[in-house]
């Protein structure tokens, strides 16, 4: 019997970049829902989670955001993200990503999921714009917890439900040290890609199983699946 495998993808810096559209959508949603004007120039986005960003915004602006409006915020953020990616035309899908996702999807023993700092709505707005959203039926999202390790736990739980059992192997692909640490936390094989803001040398310090320049080296990942 073939091994059951979960392959979990980060979005920003791993699958794609939306340029400044994501930050712009976050800022406009913040104004629309909470009436807070903030250009978010102090935020380090790589490896961040949306709930963590909201916490930073509260500290920076010395305010308390109404948690009863969080659901409305994430819904608005999803809509604004989709709009700004479309109007600003800043989306770039990284080399090898679509080919890899299509190849993995062909294997019935593999389930594909997301582990992303984006909220669920904005995360799907991004992968839908990249034309790969239909391949991801579950994930862990940045509207659920500020700690990416918890998001990885959520994705593992939901992926196990999809498989109907605990997977034999889990692979988490990301572009930041936070992704590697999240992979280690859930016992996954960490595959790091230097398509974001961190170099191969920086990523190697966190001891991923594999560090690649991009996902066009898909044959190397296929070795992990066999």
Foldseek 3Di string as FASTA:
>chain_A
DAFFEEEAEEPDLAFKHLPCQLLVLLQVLCCVQQVDHDSLPVDDPALWAPVRSVVVVCVVVVHDGDPVCLVVSLQSSLVSSLVSSVVVVRMDTDPQNVVLLVVQLVDPSYAYAYQYSRAPSNRLSNVVVVVNSVRHPYFFHRSPDGQSLVRLVRRQVVVCVVVVHRGPAYEYEEADLSSLVSCVSVVHQYEHEPSHDDDQVRNCVSPGVYYYPGCSVVVVVVVVSD
